[in-house]
Amino acid sequence: MNGARGTRWRISPRGVRVGVVVASFVAVLGQVAFAGARVESRDDLADVSWGFPARWISQDQASLDPPFPWVVGVSSPWEHPTSIDWTSLALDVAAAALVLAVLVWLVVRGAGALRRRLLAT
């Protein structure tokens, strides 16, 4: 499209769905990468979990010796045994995709209503 007045941009619904899922996956990974988990004792370090709303990644960080209470983040899987619950990860991505899809729908509806209002005047 050349951007001339009167041209319509067409966005593929499939492309929007794929974009929503990819953005949701990135958001879920980013949330885990930047979130911390508060640990109160050495026992808490043995099983530290991250993820929202479902905890999908856990690590054994018992080899660390921080002062308690302490906030830890996801560390190297080479140094700390790591497990991933793929079902919980899928649920987290689905929940984020649902929220993002509703937001996209609201923006599209609002833009359509605004466009109709502007064309009516």
PDB file of N, CA and C in Angstrom:
ATOM      1  N   MET A   1       0.841  -1.175   0.000  1.00  0.00           N
ATOM      2  CA  MET A   1       0.000   0.000   0.000  1.00  0.00           C
ATOM      3  C   MET A   1       0.893   1.248   0.000  1.00  0.00           C
ATOM      4  N   ASN A   2       0.460   2.241  -0.734  1.00  0.00           N
ATOM      5  CA  ASN A   2       1.286   3.432  -0.863  1.00  0.00           C
ATOM      6  C   ASN A   2       0.956   4.510   0.154  1.00  0.00           C
ATOM      7  N   GLY A   3      -0.036   4.296   0.996  1.00  0.00           N
ATOM      8  CA  GLY A   3      -0.357   5.273   2.027  1.00  0.00           C
ATOM      9  C   GLY A   3      -1.179   6.446   1.526  1.00  0.00           C
ATOM     10  N   ALA A   4      -1.648   6.397   0.254  1.00  0.00           N
ATOM     11  CA  ALA A   4      -2.462   7.489  -0.280  1.00  0.00           C
ATOM     12  C   ALA A   4      -3.813   7.515   0.428  1.00  0.00           C
ATOM     13  N   ARG A   5      -4.431   8.672   0.412  1.00  0.00           N
ATOM     14  CA  ARG A   5      -5.721   8.840   1.087  1.00  0.00           C
ATOM     15  C   ARG A   5      -6.757   7.884   0.475  1.00  0.00           C
ATOM     16  N   GLY A   6      -7.501   7.232   1.336  1.00  0.00           N
ATOM     17  CA  GLY A   6      -8.553   6.340   0.878  1.00  0.00           C
ATOM     18  C   GLY A   6      -8.131   4.884   0.767  1.00  0.00           C
ATOM     19  N   THR A   7      -6.873   4.599   0.890  1.00  0.00           N
ATOM     20  CA  THR A   7      -6.457   3.194   0.840  1.00  0.00           C
ATOM     21  C   THR A   7      -6.763   2.531   2.170  1.00  0.00           C
ATOM     22  N   ARG A   8      -7.097   1.272   2.108  1.00  0.00           N
ATOM     23  CA  ARG A   8      -7.402   0.510   3.322  1.00  0.00           C
ATOM     24  C   ARG A   8      -6.272  -0.464   3.582  1.00  0.00           C
ATOM     25  N   TRP A   9      -5.835  -0.444   4.790  1.00  0.00           N
ATOM     26  CA  TRP A   9      -4.836  -1.415   5.207  1.00  0.00           C
ATOM     27  C   TRP A   9      -5.570  -2.659   5.648  1.00  0.00           C
ATOM     28  N   ARG A  10      -5.154  -3.774   5.171  1.00  0.00           N
ATOM     29  CA  ARG A  10      -5.772  -5.035   5.565  1.00  0.00           C
ATOM     30  C   ARG A  10      -4.790  -5.796   6.443  1.00  0.00           C
ATOM     31  N   ILE A  11      -5.301  -6.204   7.583  1.00  0.00           N
ATOM     32  CA  ILE A  11      -4.484  -6.979   8.514  1.00  0.00           C
ATOM     33  C   ILE A  11      -5.086  -8.367   8.594  1.00  0.00           C
ATOM     34  N   SER A  12      -4.271  -9.351   8.379  1.00  0.00           N
ATOM     35  CA  SER A  12      -4.726 -10.733   8.407  1.00  0.00           C
ATOM     36  C   SER A  12      -5.101 -11.147   9.830  1.00  0.00           C
ATOM     37  N   PRO A  13      -6.300 -11.693  10.027  1.00  0.00           N
ATOM     38  CA  PRO A  13      -6.665 -12.192  11.364  1.00  0.00           C
ATOM     39  C   PRO A  13      -5.701 -13.270  11.861  1.00  0.00           C
ATOM     40  N   ARG A  14      -5.219 -14.097  10.949  1.00  0.00           N
ATOM     41  CA  ARG A  14      -4.249 -15.130  11.330  1.00  0.00           C
ATOM     42  C   ARG A  14      -2.958 -14.482  11.822  1.00  0.00           C
ATOM     43  N   GLY A  15      -2.528 -13.436  11.147  1.00  0.00           N
ATOM     44  CA  GLY A  15      -1.327 -12.722  11.574  1.00  0.00           C
ATOM     45  C   GLY A  15      -1.489 -12.090  12.947  1.00  0.00           C
ATOM     46  N   VAL A  16      -2.690 -11.569  13.209  1.00  0.00           N
ATOM     47  CA  VAL A  16      -2.958 -10.984  14.529  1.00  0.00           C
ATOM     48  C   VAL A  16      -2.905 -12.069  15.594  1.00  0.00           C
ATOM     49  N   ARG A  17      -3.523 -13.218  15.321  1.00  0.00           N
ATOM     50  CA  ARG A  17      -3.511 -14.321  16.297  1.00  0.00           C
ATOM     51  C   ARG A  17      -2.091 -14.805  16.567  1.00  0.00           C
ATOM     52  N   VAL A  18      -1.305 -14.972  15.517  1.00  0.00           N
ATOM     53  CA  VAL A  18       0.085 -15.407  15.700  1.00  0.00           C
ATOM     54  C   VAL A  18       0.860 -14.353  16.483  1.00  0.00           C
ATOM     55  N   GLY A  19       0.653 -13.089  16.155  1.00  0.00           N
ATOM     56  CA  GLY A  19       1.328 -12.014  16.878  1.00  0.00           C
ATOM     57  C   GLY A  19       0.956 -11.974  18.347  1.00  0.00           C
ATOM     58  N   VAL A  20      -0.322 -12.211  18.649  1.00  0.00           N
ATOM     59  CA  VAL A  20      -0.770 -12.223  20.046  1.00  0.00           C
ATOM     60  C   VAL A  20      -0.104 -13.364  20.804  1.00  0.00           C
ATOM     61  N   VAL A  21      -0.037 -14.547  20.199  1.00  0.00           N
ATOM     62  CA  VAL A  21       0.578 -15.699  20.877  1.00  0.00           C
ATOM     63  C   VAL A  21       2.077 -15.477  21.062  1.00  0.00           C
ATOM     64  N   VAL A  22       2.754 -14.976  20.043  1.00  0.00           N
ATOM     65  CA  VAL A  22       4.197 -14.725  20.154  1.00  0.00           C
ATOM     66  C   VAL A  22       4.469 -13.653  21.211  1.00  0.00           C
ATOM     67  N   ALA A  23       3.702 -12.581  21.194  1.00  0.00           N
ATOM     68  CA  ALA A  23       3.886 -11.525  22.197  1.00  0.00           C
ATOM     69  C   ALA A  23       3.607 -12.049  23.600  1.00  0.00           C
ATOM     70  N   SER A  24       2.622 -12.919  23.737  1.00  0.00           N
ATOM     71  CA  SER A  24       2.309 -13.502  25.045  1.00  0.00           C
ATOM     72  C   SER A  24       3.441 -14.389  25.532  1.00  0.00           C
ATOM     73  N   PHE A  25       4.010 -15.181  24.632  1.00  0.00           N
ATOM     74  CA  PHE A  25       5.134 -16.047  24.996  1.00  0.00           C
ATOM     75  C   PHE A  25       6.328 -15.210  25.451  1.00  0.00           C
ATOM     76  N   VAL A  26       6.615 -14.154  24.716  1.00  0.00           N
ATOM     77  CA  VAL A  26       7.723 -13.265  25.088  1.00  0.00           C
ATOM     78  C   VAL A  26       7.445 -12.601  26.435  1.00  0.00           C
ATOM     79  N   ALA A  27       6.205 -12.192  26.663  1.00  0.00           N
ATOM     80  CA  ALA A  27       5.846 -11.559  27.940  1.00  0.00           C
ATOM     81  C   ALA A  27       6.000 -12.527  29.106  1.00  0.00           C
ATOM     82  N   VAL A  28       5.594 -13.780  28.913  1.00  0.00           N
ATOM     83  CA  VAL A  28       5.716 -14.780  29.984  1.00  0.00           C
ATOM     84  C   VAL A  28       7.189 -15.052  30.280  1.00  0.00           C
ATOM     85  N   LEU A  29       8.007 -15.196  29.244  1.00  0.00           N
ATOM     86  CA  LEU A  29       9.444 -15.407  29.463  1.00  0.00           C
ATOM     87  C   LEU A  29      10.080 -14.185  30.113  1.00  0.00           C
ATOM     88  N   GLY A  30       9.690 -13.002  29.682  1.00  0.00           N
ATOM     89  CA  GLY A  30      10.233 -11.778  30.267  1.00  0.00           C
ATOM     90  C   GLY A  30       9.856 -11.611  31.719  1.00  0.00           C
ATOM     91  N   GLN A  31       8.628 -11.987  32.053  1.00  0.00           N
ATOM     92  CA  GLN A  31       8.186 -11.888  33.447  1.00  0.00           C
ATOM     93  C   GLN A  31       9.045 -12.773  34.335  1.00  0.00           C
ATOM     94  N   VAL A  32       9.359 -13.968  33.866  1.00  0.00           N
ATOM     95  CA  VAL A  32      10.191 -14.875  34.664  1.00  0.00           C
ATOM     96  C   VAL A  32      11.633 -14.370  34.719  1.00  0.00           C
ATOM     97  N   ALA A  33      12.118 -13.820  33.616  1.00  0.00           N
ATOM     98  CA  ALA A  33      13.507 -13.357  33.582  1.00  0.00           C
ATOM     99  C   ALA A  33      13.748 -12.200  34.542  1.00  0.00           C
ATOM    100  N   PHE A  34      12.735 -11.357  34.741  1.00  0.00           N
ATOM    101  CA  PHE A  34      12.931 -10.178  35.572  1.00  0.00           C
ATOM    102  C   PHE A  34      12.280 -10.261  36.942  1.00  0.00           C
ATOM    103  N   ALA A  35      11.542 -11.324  37.203  1.00  0.00           N
ATOM    104  CA  ALA A  35      10.870 -11.467  38.506  1.00  0.00           C
ATOM    105  C   ALA A  35      11.804 -12.142  39.501  1.00  0.00           C
ATOM    106  N   GLY A  36      11.635 -11.815  40.734  1.00  0.00           N
ATOM    107  CA  GLY A  36      12.399 -12.454  41.795  1.00  0.00           C
ATOM    108  C   GLY A  36      11.477 -13.265  42.686  1.00  0.00           C
ATOM    109  N   ALA A  37      12.044 -14.261  43.329  1.00  0.00           N
ATOM    110  CA  ALA A  37      11.288 -15.066  44.291  1.00  0.00           C
ATOM    111  C   ALA A  37      11.927 -14.868  45.657  1.00  0.00           C
ATOM    112  N   ARG A  38      11.108 -14.574  46.637  1.00  0.00           N
ATOM    113  CA  ARG A  38      11.612 -14.345  47.997  1.00  0.00           C
ATOM    114  C   ARG A  38      11.788 -15.687  48.695  1.00  0.00           C
ATOM    115  N   VAL A  39      12.974 -15.889  49.249  1.00  0.00           N
ATOM    116  CA  VAL A  39      13.250 -17.108  50.013  1.00  0.00           C
ATOM    117  C   VAL A  39      13.557 -16.712  51.449  1.00  0.00           C
ATOM    118  N   GLU A  40      13.044 -17.509  52.368  1.00  0.00           N
ATOM    119  CA  GLU A  40      13.189 -17.225  53.798  1.00  0.00           C
ATOM    120  C   GLU A  40      14.183 -18.149  54.486  1.00  0.00           C
ATOM    121  N   SER A  41      14.477 -19.293  53.849  1.00  0.00           N
ATOM    122  CA  SER A  41      15.351 -20.274  54.506  1.00  0.00           C
ATOM    123  C   SER A  41      16.079 -21.106  53.460  1.00  0.00           C
ATOM    124  N   ARG A  42      16.987 -21.925  53.922  1.00  0.00           N
ATOM    125  CA  ARG A  42      17.736 -22.828  53.049  1.00  0.00           C
ATOM    126  C   ARG A  42      16.798 -23.836  52.377  1.00  0.00           C
ATOM    127  N   ASP A  43      15.742 -24.240  53.100  1.00  0.00           N
ATOM    128  CA  ASP A  43      14.773 -25.168  52.513  1.00  0.00           C
ATOM    129  C   ASP A  43      14.056 -24.533  51.321  1.00  0.00           C
ATOM    130  N   ASP A  44      13.784 -23.239  51.417  1.00  0.00           N
ATOM    131  CA  ASP A  44      13.146 -22.544  50.294  1.00  0.00           C
ATOM    132  C   ASP A  44      14.054 -22.522  49.067  1.00  0.00           C
ATOM    133  N   LEU A  45      15.360 -22.456  49.281  1.00  0.00           N
ATOM    134  CA  LEU A  45      16.306 -22.443  48.159  1.00  0.00           C
ATOM    135  C   LEU A  45      16.323 -23.769  47.407  1.00  0.00           C
ATOM    136  N   ALA A  46      15.935 -24.844  48.068  1.00  0.00           N
ATOM    137  CA  ALA A  46      15.964 -26.160  47.431  1.00  0.00           C
ATOM    138  C   ALA A  46      14.905 -26.287  46.333  1.00  0.00           C
ATOM    139  N   ASP A  47      13.861 -25.477  46.395  1.00  0.00           N
ATOM    140  CA  ASP A  47      12.807 -25.532  45.376  1.00  0.00           C
ATOM    141  C   ASP A  47      12.227 -24.136  45.171  1.00  0.00           C
ATOM    142  N   VAL A  48      12.891 -23.342  44.331  1.00  0.00           N
ATOM    143  CA  VAL A  48      12.446 -21.983  44.025  1.00  0.00           C
ATOM    144  C   VAL A  48      11.679 -22.036  42.705  1.00  0.00           C
ATOM    145  N   SER A  49      10.481 -21.423  42.676  1.00  0.00           N
ATOM    146  CA  SER A  49       9.627 -21.485  41.486  1.00  0.00           C
ATOM    147  C   SER A  49       9.247 -20.093  41.011  1.00  0.00           C
ATOM    148  N   TRP A  50       9.053 -19.981  39.685  1.00  0.00           N
ATOM    149  CA  TRP A  50       8.621 -18.734  39.061  1.00  0.00           C
ATOM    150  C   TRP A  50       7.510 -19.025  38.073  1.00  0.00           C
ATOM    151  N   GLY A  51       6.770 -17.989  37.748  1.00  0.00           N
ATOM    152  CA  GLY A  51       5.683 -18.064  36.781  1.00  0.00           C
ATOM    153  C   GLY A  51       4.433 -17.453  37.368  1.00  0.00           C
ATOM    154  N   PHE A  52       3.608 -16.857  36.502  1.00  0.00           N
ATOM    155  CA  PHE A  52       2.347 -16.299  36.964  1.00  0.00           C
ATOM    156  C   PHE A  52       1.325 -16.423  35.846  1.00  0.00           C
ATOM    157  N   PRO A  53       0.151 -16.936  36.090  1.00  0.00           N
ATOM    158  CA  PRO A  53      -0.428 -17.358  37.359  1.00  0.00           C
ATOM    159  C   PRO A  53       0.007 -18.754  37.799  1.00  0.00           C
ATOM    160  N   ALA A  54       0.487 -19.569  36.882  1.00  0.00           N
ATOM    161  CA  ALA A  54       0.945 -20.914  37.259  1.00  0.00           C
ATOM    162  C   ALA A  54       2.469 -20.923  37.325  1.00  0.00           C
ATOM    163  N   ARG A  55       3.016 -21.543  38.324  1.00  0.00           N
ATOM    164  CA  ARG A  55       4.475 -21.647  38.455  1.00  0.00           C
ATOM    165  C   ARG A  55       4.952 -22.748  37.510  1.00  0.00           C
ATOM    166  N   TRP A  56       5.791 -22.377  36.528  1.00  0.00           N
ATOM    167  CA  TRP A  56       6.167 -23.354  35.515  1.00  0.00           C
ATOM    168  C   TRP A  56       7.663 -23.648  35.454  1.00  0.00           C
ATOM    169  N   ILE A  57       8.477 -22.872  36.129  1.00  0.00           N
ATOM    170  CA  ILE A  57       9.914 -23.161  36.144  1.00  0.00           C
ATOM    171  C   ILE A  57      10.382 -23.204  37.594  1.00  0.00           C
ATOM    172  N   SER A  58      11.159 -24.213  37.921  1.00  0.00           N
ATOM    173  CA  SER A  58      11.684 -24.311  39.286  1.00  0.00           C
ATOM    174  C   SER A  58      13.155 -24.703  39.237  1.00  0.00           C
ATOM    175  N   GLN A  59      13.881 -24.235  40.233  1.00  0.00           N
ATOM    176  CA  GLN A  59      15.313 -24.504  40.331  1.00  0.00           C
ATOM    177  C   GLN A  59      15.669 -24.895  41.753  1.00  0.00           C
ATOM    178  N   ASP A  60      16.726 -25.694  41.849  1.00  0.00           N
ATOM    179  CA  ASP A  60      17.311 -26.034  43.141  1.00  0.00           C
ATOM    180  C   ASP A  60      18.543 -25.148  43.304  1.00  0.00           C
ATOM    181  N   GLN A  61      18.419 -24.109  44.128  1.00  0.00           N
ATOM    182  CA  GLN A  61      19.527 -23.184  44.352  1.00  0.00           C
ATOM    183  C   GLN A  61      20.112 -23.359  45.749  1.00  0.00           C
ATOM    184  N   ALA A  62      20.020 -24.576  46.284  1.00  0.00           N
ATOM    185  CA  ALA A  62      20.494 -24.851  47.640  1.00  0.00           C
ATOM    186  C   ALA A  62      22.004 -24.669  47.773  1.00  0.00           C
ATOM    187  N   SER A  63      22.729 -24.645  46.659  1.00  0.00           N
ATOM    188  CA  SER A  63      24.181 -24.458  46.732  1.00  0.00           C
ATOM    189  C   SER A  63      24.554 -23.020  47.094  1.00  0.00           C
ATOM    190  N   LEU A  64      23.609 -22.101  46.990  1.00  0.00           N
ATOM    191  CA  LEU A  64      23.871 -20.704  47.356  1.00  0.00           C
ATOM    192  C   LEU A  64      23.817 -20.539  48.871  1.00  0.00           C
ATOM    193  N   ASP A  65      24.468 -19.501  49.367  1.00  0.00           N
ATOM    194  CA  ASP A  65      24.449 -19.226  50.802  1.00  0.00           C
ATOM    195  C   ASP A  65      24.203 -17.729  51.042  1.00  0.00           C
ATOM    196  N   PRO A  66      22.997 -17.244  50.672  1.00  0.00           N
ATOM    197  CA  PRO A  66      22.717 -15.816  50.852  1.00  0.00           C
ATOM    198  C   PRO A  66      22.229 -15.527  52.269  1.00  0.00           C
ATOM    199  N   PRO A  67      22.251 -14.266  52.667  1.00  0.00           N
ATOM    200  CA  PRO A  67      21.604 -13.906  53.936  1.00  0.00           C
ATOM    201  C   PRO A  67      20.084 -13.960  53.735  1.00  0.00           C
ATOM    202  N   PHE A  68      19.376 -14.390  54.753  1.00  0.00           N
ATOM    203  CA  PHE A  68      17.915 -14.510  54.633  1.00  0.00           C
ATOM    204  C   PHE A  68      17.230 -13.380  55.368  1.00  0.00           C
ATOM    205  N   PRO A  69      16.083 -12.922  54.911  1.00  0.00           N
ATOM    206  CA  PRO A  69      15.397 -13.274  53.670  1.00  0.00           C
ATOM    207  C   PRO A  69      16.142 -12.708  52.458  1.00  0.00           C
ATOM    208  N   TRP A  70      15.926 -13.320  51.303  1.00  0.00           N
ATOM    209  CA  TRP A  70      16.662 -12.979  50.101  1.00  0.00           C
ATOM    210  C   TRP A  70      15.738 -13.112  48.900  1.00  0.00           C
ATOM    211  N   VAL A  71      15.976 -12.313  47.872  1.00  0.00           N
ATOM    212  CA  VAL A  71      15.214 -12.424  46.632  1.00  0.00           C
ATOM    213  C   VAL A  71      16.147 -12.982  45.568  1.00  0.00           C
ATOM    214  N   VAL A  72      15.753 -14.114  44.978  1.00  0.00           N
ATOM    215  CA  VAL A  72      16.585 -14.761  43.962  1.00  0.00           C
ATOM    216  C   VAL A  72      15.865 -14.733  42.625  1.00  0.00           C
ATOM    217  N   GLY A  73      16.645 -14.752  41.576  1.00  0.00           N
ATOM    218  CA  GLY A  73      16.105 -14.829  40.225  1.00  0.00           C
ATOM    219  C   GLY A  73      16.514 -16.140  39.591  1.00  0.00           C
ATOM    220  N   VAL A  74      16.045 -16.361  38.378  1.00  0.00           N
ATOM    221  CA  VAL A  74      16.414 -17.572  37.655  1.00  0.00           C
ATOM    222  C   VAL A  74      17.907 -17.510  37.375  1.00  0.00           C
ATOM    223  N   SER A  75      18.610 -18.572  37.737  1.00  0.00           N
ATOM    224  CA  SER A  75      20.059 -18.633  37.537  1.00  0.00           C
ATOM    225  C   SER A  75      20.396 -19.645  36.454  1.00  0.00           C
ATOM    226  N   SER A  76      21.666 -19.788  36.194  1.00  0.00           N
ATOM    227  CA  SER A  76      22.140 -20.677  35.146  1.00  0.00           C
ATOM    228  C   SER A  76      21.689 -22.120  35.377  1.00  0.00           C
ATOM    229  N   PRO A  77      21.087 -22.742  34.364  1.00  0.00           N
ATOM    230  CA  PRO A  77      20.702 -24.145  34.515  1.00  0.00           C
ATOM    231  C   PRO A  77      21.917 -25.075  34.571  1.00  0.00           C
ATOM    232  N   TRP A  78      23.095 -24.574  34.199  1.00  0.00           N
ATOM    233  CA  TRP A  78      24.305 -25.383  34.303  1.00  0.00           C
ATOM    234  C   TRP A  78      24.707 -25.561  35.760  1.00  0.00           C
ATOM    235  N   GLU A  79      24.431 -24.560  36.576  1.00  0.00           N
ATOM    236  CA  GLU A  79      24.842 -24.607  37.978  1.00  0.00           C
ATOM    237  C   GLU A  79      23.731 -25.052  38.913  1.00  0.00           C
ATOM    238  N   HIS A  80      22.480 -24.855  38.508  1.00  0.00           N
ATOM    239  CA  HIS A  80      21.344 -25.157  39.373  1.00  0.00           C
ATOM    240  C   HIS A  80      20.361 -26.036  38.605  1.00  0.00           C
ATOM    241  N   PRO A  81      20.080 -27.244  39.118  1.00  0.00           N
ATOM    242  CA  PRO A  81      19.126 -28.124  38.426  1.00  0.00           C
ATOM    243  C   PRO A  81      17.793 -27.399  38.200  1.00  0.00           C
ATOM    244  N   THR A  82      17.323 -27.456  36.961  1.00  0.00           N
ATOM    245  CA  THR A  82      16.133 -26.711  36.557  1.00  0.00           C
ATOM    246  C   THR A  82      15.104 -27.666  35.966  1.00  0.00           C
ATOM    247  N   SER A  83      13.838 -27.438  36.303  1.00  0.00           N
ATOM    248  CA  SER A  83      12.766 -28.218  35.680  1.00  0.00           C
ATOM    249  C   SER A  83      11.691 -27.260  35.181  1.00  0.00           C
ATOM    250  N   ILE A  84      11.071 -27.660  34.074  1.00  0.00           N
ATOM    251  CA  ILE A  84      10.023 -26.854  33.448  1.00  0.00           C
ATOM    252  C   ILE A  84       8.761 -27.697  33.357  1.00  0.00           C
ATOM    253  N   ASP A  85       7.654 -27.137  33.828  1.00  0.00           N
ATOM    254  CA  ASP A  85       6.346 -27.777  33.696  1.00  0.00           C
ATOM    255  C   ASP A  85       5.697 -27.191  32.440  1.00  0.00           C
ATOM    256  N   TRP A  86       5.732 -27.954  31.350  1.00  0.00           N
ATOM    257  CA  TRP A  86       5.288 -27.456  30.052  1.00  0.00           C
ATOM    258  C   TRP A  86       3.793 -27.144  30.033  1.00  0.00           C
ATOM    259  N   THR A  87       3.004 -27.903  30.793  1.00  0.00           N
ATOM    260  CA  THR A  87       1.565 -27.633  30.853  1.00  0.00           C
ATOM    261  C   THR A  87       1.297 -26.281  31.506  1.00  0.00           C
ATOM    262  N   SER A  88       1.982 -26.005  32.606  1.00  0.00           N
ATOM    263  CA  SER A  88       1.806 -24.714  33.280  1.00  0.00           C
ATOM    264  C   SER A  88       2.309 -23.565  32.411  1.00  0.00           C
ATOM    265  N   LEU A  89       3.397 -23.791  31.678  1.00  0.00           N
ATOM    266  CA  LEU A  89       3.892 -22.767  30.751  1.00  0.00           C
ATOM    267  C   LEU A  89       2.833 -22.474  29.689  1.00  0.00           C
ATOM    268  N   ALA A  90       2.237 -23.516  29.136  1.00  0.00           N
ATOM    269  CA  ALA A  90       1.193 -23.330  28.124  1.00  0.00           C
ATOM    270  C   ALA A  90      -0.007 -22.580  28.709  1.00  0.00           C
ATOM    271  N   LEU A  91      -0.366 -22.884  29.948  1.00  0.00           N
ATOM    272  CA  LEU A  91      -1.477 -22.176  30.596  1.00  0.00           C
ATOM    273  C   LEU A  91      -1.143 -20.703  30.814  1.00  0.00           C
ATOM    274  N   ASP A  92       0.089 -20.413  31.214  1.00  0.00           N
ATOM    275  CA  ASP A  92       0.505 -19.020  31.390  1.00  0.00           C
ATOM    276  C   ASP A  92       0.450 -18.256  30.065  1.00  0.00           C
ATOM    277  N   VAL A  93       0.943 -18.890  28.996  1.00  0.00           N
ATOM    278  CA  VAL A  93       0.918 -18.236  27.682  1.00  0.00           C
ATOM    279  C   VAL A  93      -0.526 -18.036  27.227  1.00  0.00           C
ATOM    280  N   ALA A  94      -1.382 -19.037  27.461  1.00  0.00           N
ATOM    281  CA  ALA A  94      -2.793 -18.913  27.072  1.00  0.00           C
ATOM    282  C   ALA A  94      -3.479 -17.786  27.847  1.00  0.00           C
ATOM    283  N   ALA A  95      -3.191 -17.676  29.135  1.00  0.00           N
ATOM    284  CA  ALA A  95      -3.796 -16.607  29.941  1.00  0.00           C
ATOM    285  C   ALA A  95      -3.334 -15.236  29.448  1.00  0.00           C
ATOM    286  N   ALA A  96      -2.039 -15.108  29.174  1.00  0.00           N
ATOM    287  CA  ALA A  96      -1.518 -13.834  28.666  1.00  0.00           C
ATOM    288  C   ALA A  96      -2.095 -13.531  27.283  1.00  0.00           C
ATOM    289  N   ALA A  97      -2.242 -14.558  26.440  1.00  0.00           N
ATOM    290  CA  ALA A  97      -2.801 -14.360  25.100  1.00  0.00           C
ATOM    291  C   ALA A  97      -4.257 -13.918  25.181  1.00  0.00           C
ATOM    292  N   LEU A  98      -4.996 -14.472  26.122  1.00  0.00           N
ATOM    293  CA  LEU A  98      -6.395 -14.076  26.288  1.00  0.00           C
ATOM    294  C   LEU A  98      -6.501 -12.597  26.672  1.00  0.00           C
ATOM    295  N   VAL A  99      -5.687 -12.178  27.618  1.00  0.00           N
ATOM    296  CA  VAL A  99      -5.701 -10.774  28.042  1.00  0.00           C
ATOM    297  C   VAL A  99      -5.292  -9.866  26.881  1.00  0.00           C
ATOM    298  N   LEU A 100      -4.234 -10.235  26.176  1.00  0.00           N
ATOM    299  CA  LEU A 100      -3.769  -9.420  25.054  1.00  0.00           C
ATOM    300  C   LEU A 100      -4.795  -9.397  23.920  1.00  0.00           C
ATOM    301  N   ALA A 101      -5.453 -10.525  23.659  1.00  0.00           N
ATOM    302  CA  ALA A 101      -6.470 -10.579  22.604  1.00  0.00           C
ATOM    303  C   ALA A 101      -7.643  -9.657  22.930  1.00  0.00           C
ATOM    304  N   VAL A 102      -8.052  -9.624  24.187  1.00  0.00           N
ATOM    305  CA  VAL A 102      -9.136  -8.721  24.588  1.00  0.00           C
ATOM    306  C   VAL A 102      -8.706  -7.268  24.391  1.00  0.00           C
ATOM    307  N   LEU A 103      -7.472  -6.947  24.761  1.00  0.00           N
ATOM    308  CA  LEU A 103      -6.977  -5.576  24.570  1.00  0.00           C
ATOM    309  C   LEU A 103      -6.933  -5.200  23.089  1.00  0.00           C
ATOM    310  N   VAL A 104      -6.458  -6.116  22.240  1.00  0.00           N
ATOM    311  CA  VAL A 104      -6.416  -5.854  20.800  1.00  0.00           C
ATOM    312  C   VAL A 104      -7.829  -5.661  20.265  1.00  0.00           C
ATOM    313  N   TRP A 105      -8.760  -6.506  20.699  1.00  0.00           N
ATOM    314  CA  TRP A 105     -10.153  -6.393  20.262  1.00  0.00           C
ATOM    315  C   TRP A 105     -10.736  -5.034  20.642  1.00  0.00           C
ATOM    316  N   LEU A 106     -10.473  -4.589  21.882  1.00  0.00           N
ATOM    317  CA  LEU A 106     -10.982  -3.293  22.330  1.00  0.00           C
ATOM    318  C   LEU A 106     -10.396  -2.149  21.510  1.00  0.00           C
ATOM    319  N   VAL A 107      -9.109  -2.226  21.197  1.00  0.00           N
ATOM    320  CA  VAL A 107      -8.468  -1.180  20.391  1.00  0.00           C
ATOM    321  C   VAL A 107      -9.061  -1.163  18.984  1.00  0.00           C
ATOM    322  N   VAL A 108      -9.256  -2.332  18.391  1.00  0.00           N
ATOM    323  CA  VAL A 108      -9.820  -2.401  17.036  1.00  0.00           C
ATOM    324  C   VAL A 108     -11.251  -1.873  17.022  1.00  0.00           C
ATOM    325  N   ARG A 109     -12.040  -2.255  18.024  1.00  0.00           N
ATOM    326  CA  ARG A 109     -13.418  -1.749  18.114  1.00  0.00           C
ATOM    327  C   ARG A 109     -13.424  -0.231  18.284  1.00  0.00           C
ATOM    328  N   GLY A 110     -12.565   0.272  19.147  1.00  0.00           N
ATOM    329  CA  GLY A 110     -12.493   1.714  19.366  1.00  0.00           C
ATOM    330  C   GLY A 110     -12.052   2.459  18.123  1.00  0.00           C
ATOM    331  N   ALA A 111     -11.073   1.903  17.411  1.00  0.00           N
ATOM    332  CA  ALA A 111     -10.599   2.546  16.185  1.00  0.00           C
ATOM    333  C   ALA A 111     -11.693   2.538  15.123  1.00  0.00           C
ATOM    334  N   GLY A 112     -12.438   1.438  15.035  1.00  0.00           N
ATOM    335  CA  GLY A 112     -13.534   1.364  14.064  1.00  0.00           C
ATOM    336  C   GLY A 112     -14.633   2.360  14.381  1.00  0.00           C
ATOM    337  N   ALA A 113     -14.984   2.480  15.658  1.00  0.00           N
ATOM    338  CA  ALA A 113     -16.017   3.439  16.059  1.00  0.00           C
ATOM    339  C   ALA A 113     -15.558   4.867  15.787  1.00  0.00           C
ATOM    340  N   LEU A 114     -14.301   5.157  16.073  1.00  0.00           N
ATOM    341  CA  LEU A 114     -13.764   6.491  15.818  1.00  0.00           C
ATOM    342  C   LEU A 114     -13.768   6.792  14.324  1.00  0.00           C
ATOM    343  N   ARG A 115     -13.387   5.819  13.521  1.00  0.00           N
ATOM    344  CA  ARG A 115     -13.358   6.005  12.074  1.00  0.00           C
ATOM    345  C   ARG A 115     -14.763   6.271  11.540  1.00  0.00           C
ATOM    346  N   ARG A 116     -15.751   5.495  12.011  1.00  0.00           N
ATOM    347  CA  ARG A 116     -17.136   5.709  11.563  1.00  0.00           C
ATOM    348  C   ARG A 116     -17.636   7.093  11.972  1.00  0.00           C
ATOM    349  N   ARG A 117     -17.286   7.512  13.178  1.00  0.00           N
ATOM    350  CA  ARG A 117     -17.709   8.824  13.662  1.00  0.00           C
ATOM    351  C   ARG A 117     -17.075   9.938  12.821  1.00  0.00           C
ATOM    352  N   LEU A 118     -15.804   9.779  12.478  1.00  0.00           N
ATOM    353  CA  LEU A 118     -15.131  10.803  11.672  1.00  0.00           C
ATOM    354  C   LEU A 118     -15.671  10.841  10.250  1.00  0.00           C
ATOM    355  N   LEU A 119     -16.013   9.682   9.691  1.00  0.00           N
ATOM    356  CA  LEU A 119     -16.542   9.646   8.327  1.00  0.00           C
ATOM    357  C   LEU A 119     -17.969  10.174   8.258  1.00  0.00           C
ATOM    358  N   ALA A 120     -18.706  10.088   9.369  1.00  0.00           N
ATOM    359  CA  ALA A 120     -20.095  10.558   9.395  1.00  0.00           C
ATOM    360  C   ALA A 120     -20.169  12.081   9.428  1.00  0.00           C
ATOM    361  N   THR A 121     -19.110  12.729   9.848  1.00  0.00           N
ATOM    362  CA  THR A 121     -19.154  14.194   9.949  1.00  0.00           C
ATOM    363  C   THR A 121     -18.713  14.870   8.683  1.00  0.00           C
TER     364      THR A 121
END
